[in-house]
N, C-alpha and C. Protein backbone atom coordinates (compact mmCIF):
# COMPACT_ATOMS: atom_id res chain seq x y z
N MET A 1 133.29 136.76 61.09
CA MET A 1 131.95 136.47 61.57
C MET A 1 131.95 135.22 62.45
N ALA A 2 132.69 134.20 62.09
CA ALA A 2 132.71 132.97 62.87
C ALA A 2 133.38 133.20 64.22
N MET A 3 134.40 134.06 64.29
CA MET A 3 135.09 134.33 65.54
C MET A 3 134.16 135.06 66.51
N ALA A 4 133.36 135.98 66.03
CA ALA A 4 132.43 136.71 66.89
C ALA A 4 131.36 135.76 67.43
N ASP A 5 130.92 134.83 66.61
CA ASP A 5 129.94 133.84 67.05
C ASP A 5 130.53 132.94 68.13
N LEU A 6 131.78 132.52 67.94
CA LEU A 6 132.47 131.68 68.92
C LEU A 6 132.63 132.41 70.25
N ILE A 7 132.99 133.67 70.19
CA ILE A 7 133.14 134.47 71.42
C ILE A 7 131.80 134.62 72.12
N ALA A 8 130.74 134.87 71.38
CA ALA A 8 129.42 135.01 71.97
C ALA A 8 128.97 133.72 72.64
N ARG A 9 129.20 132.59 72.00
CA ARG A 9 128.82 131.31 72.58
C ARG A 9 129.63 130.99 73.83
N THR A 10 130.92 131.28 73.80
CA THR A 10 131.78 131.04 74.96
C THR A 10 131.34 131.92 76.12
N HIS A 11 131.03 133.17 75.83
CA HIS A 11 130.59 134.08 76.89
C HIS A 11 129.28 133.58 77.51
N GLY A 12 128.36 133.12 76.69
CA GLY A 12 127.10 132.58 77.20
C GLY A 12 127.31 131.32 78.01
N PHE A 13 128.24 130.49 77.59
CA PHE A 13 128.53 129.25 78.30
C PHE A 13 129.13 129.55 79.67
N MET A 14 129.99 130.54 79.76
CA MET A 14 130.64 130.86 81.03
C MET A 14 129.66 131.46 82.02
N GLU A 15 128.62 132.11 81.55
CA GLU A 15 127.63 132.70 82.45
C GLU A 15 126.56 131.70 82.87
N ASP A 16 126.46 130.58 82.18
CA ASP A 16 125.45 129.57 82.50
C ASP A 16 125.88 128.81 83.75
N GLU A 17 125.07 128.88 84.80
CA GLU A 17 125.38 128.21 86.06
C GLU A 17 124.40 127.08 86.37
N SER A 18 123.71 126.57 85.38
CA SER A 18 122.69 125.55 85.61
C SER A 18 123.27 124.24 86.11
N GLY A 19 124.48 123.90 85.71
CA GLY A 19 125.09 122.66 86.14
C GLY A 19 125.88 122.77 87.43
N GLN A 20 125.98 123.97 87.97
CA GLN A 20 126.79 124.19 89.16
C GLN A 20 126.24 123.44 90.36
N GLY A 21 124.93 123.44 90.56
CA GLY A 21 124.33 122.75 91.70
C GLY A 21 124.59 121.25 91.65
N THR A 22 124.49 120.68 90.47
CA THR A 22 124.74 119.25 90.30
C THR A 22 126.18 118.90 90.66
N THR A 23 127.10 119.73 90.25
CA THR A 23 128.51 119.51 90.57
C THR A 23 128.74 119.58 92.07
N GLU A 24 128.12 120.55 92.72
CA GLU A 24 128.27 120.68 94.17
C GLU A 24 127.71 119.45 94.89
N TYR A 25 126.58 118.95 94.45
CA TYR A 25 126.00 117.75 95.06
C TYR A 25 126.90 116.54 94.83
N ALA A 26 127.49 116.42 93.65
CA ALA A 26 128.39 115.31 93.36
C ALA A 26 129.62 115.35 94.26
N ILE A 27 130.16 116.54 94.47
CA ILE A 27 131.31 116.68 95.37
C ILE A 27 130.91 116.32 96.79
N LEU A 28 129.74 116.77 97.23
CA LEU A 28 129.26 116.47 98.57
C LEU A 28 129.08 114.96 98.76
N VAL A 29 128.48 114.29 97.80
CA VAL A 29 128.29 112.84 97.89
C VAL A 29 129.64 112.14 97.92
N GLY A 30 130.58 112.59 97.12
CA GLY A 30 131.92 112.00 97.12
C GLY A 30 132.60 112.13 98.47
N VAL A 31 132.48 113.30 99.09
CA VAL A 31 133.08 113.51 100.41
C VAL A 31 132.41 112.61 101.44
N LEU A 32 131.10 112.47 101.38
CA LEU A 32 130.39 111.61 102.33
C LEU A 32 130.79 110.15 102.15
N VAL A 33 130.99 109.71 100.93
CA VAL A 33 131.42 108.33 100.68
C VAL A 33 132.81 108.10 101.26
N VAL A 34 133.70 109.06 101.08
CA VAL A 34 135.06 108.93 101.64
C VAL A 34 134.99 108.87 103.17
N ILE A 35 134.17 109.70 103.78
CA ILE A 35 134.01 109.69 105.24
C ILE A 35 133.46 108.34 105.70
N ALA A 36 132.47 107.81 104.98
CA ALA A 36 131.89 106.51 105.35
C ALA A 36 132.93 105.40 105.25
N ILE A 37 133.73 105.42 104.19
CA ILE A 37 134.77 104.40 104.03
C ILE A 37 135.80 104.50 105.15
N LEU A 38 136.22 105.72 105.47
CA LEU A 38 137.19 105.90 106.56
C LEU A 38 136.61 105.44 107.90
N ALA A 39 135.33 105.70 108.13
CA ALA A 39 134.69 105.27 109.38
C ALA A 39 134.63 103.74 109.46
N ILE A 40 134.30 103.11 108.35
CA ILE A 40 134.24 101.64 108.33
C ILE A 40 135.62 101.05 108.56
N LEU A 41 136.64 101.65 107.94
CA LEU A 41 138.00 101.15 108.15
C LEU A 41 138.46 101.37 109.59
N ALA A 42 138.09 102.50 110.18
CA ALA A 42 138.51 102.80 111.54
C ALA A 42 137.82 101.88 112.54
N PHE A 43 136.56 101.54 112.28
CA PHE A 43 135.78 100.71 113.20
C PHE A 43 135.51 99.33 112.61
N ARG A 44 136.47 98.81 111.84
CA ARG A 44 136.30 97.55 111.12
C ARG A 44 135.88 96.41 112.05
N GLU A 45 136.53 96.30 113.19
CA GLU A 45 136.25 95.21 114.11
C GLU A 45 134.82 95.29 114.65
N LYS A 46 134.42 96.48 115.08
CA LYS A 46 133.07 96.66 115.62
C LYS A 46 132.01 96.45 114.54
N VAL A 47 132.29 96.92 113.34
CA VAL A 47 131.34 96.73 112.24
C VAL A 47 131.20 95.25 111.93
N GLY A 48 132.31 94.50 111.96
CA GLY A 48 132.26 93.06 111.72
C GLY A 48 131.45 92.34 112.78
N GLU A 49 131.64 92.73 114.04
CA GLU A 49 130.86 92.13 115.13
C GLU A 49 129.37 92.42 114.97
N LEU A 50 129.05 93.67 114.63
CA LEU A 50 127.65 94.04 114.43
C LEU A 50 127.05 93.27 113.26
N TRP A 51 127.79 93.15 112.17
CA TRP A 51 127.31 92.43 111.00
C TRP A 51 127.04 90.97 111.34
N ASN A 52 127.96 90.35 112.08
CA ASN A 52 127.78 88.95 112.48
C ASN A 52 126.58 88.78 113.41
N ALA A 53 126.38 89.73 114.32
CA ALA A 53 125.24 89.67 115.22
C ALA A 53 123.93 89.78 114.46
N ILE A 54 123.88 90.64 113.48
CA ILE A 54 122.68 90.79 112.66
C ILE A 54 122.44 89.51 111.86
N ALA A 55 123.49 88.95 111.27
CA ALA A 55 123.35 87.72 110.48
C ALA A 55 122.88 86.57 111.35
N GLU A 56 123.43 86.44 112.55
CA GLU A 56 123.00 85.37 113.46
C GLU A 56 121.56 85.56 113.89
N GLY A 57 121.16 86.81 114.11
CA GLY A 57 119.76 87.09 114.48
C GLY A 57 118.81 86.72 113.37
N ILE A 58 119.19 87.01 112.14
CA ILE A 58 118.33 86.67 110.99
C ILE A 58 118.28 85.16 110.82
N ASN A 59 119.42 84.49 110.96
CA ASN A 59 119.46 83.04 110.79
C ASN A 59 118.69 82.29 111.88
N SER A 60 118.55 82.90 113.04
CA SER A 60 117.84 82.23 114.13
C SER A 60 116.31 82.34 114.00
N LEU A 61 115.86 83.13 113.03
CA LEU A 61 114.41 83.26 112.83
C LEU A 61 113.84 82.03 112.25
């Protein structure tokens, strides 16, 4: 009896797709973060210049 219950629960768990969307969004966010990090590393010098320009503009207010 316990084995049949375990099989029924496992079968129900495998058919449940409610968490699938959340997993896909998490993977998408992870990929976007990696792309953003690579872009910052590739354009490190320009990003630093832009950051300094913004900081100087704020400090001059």
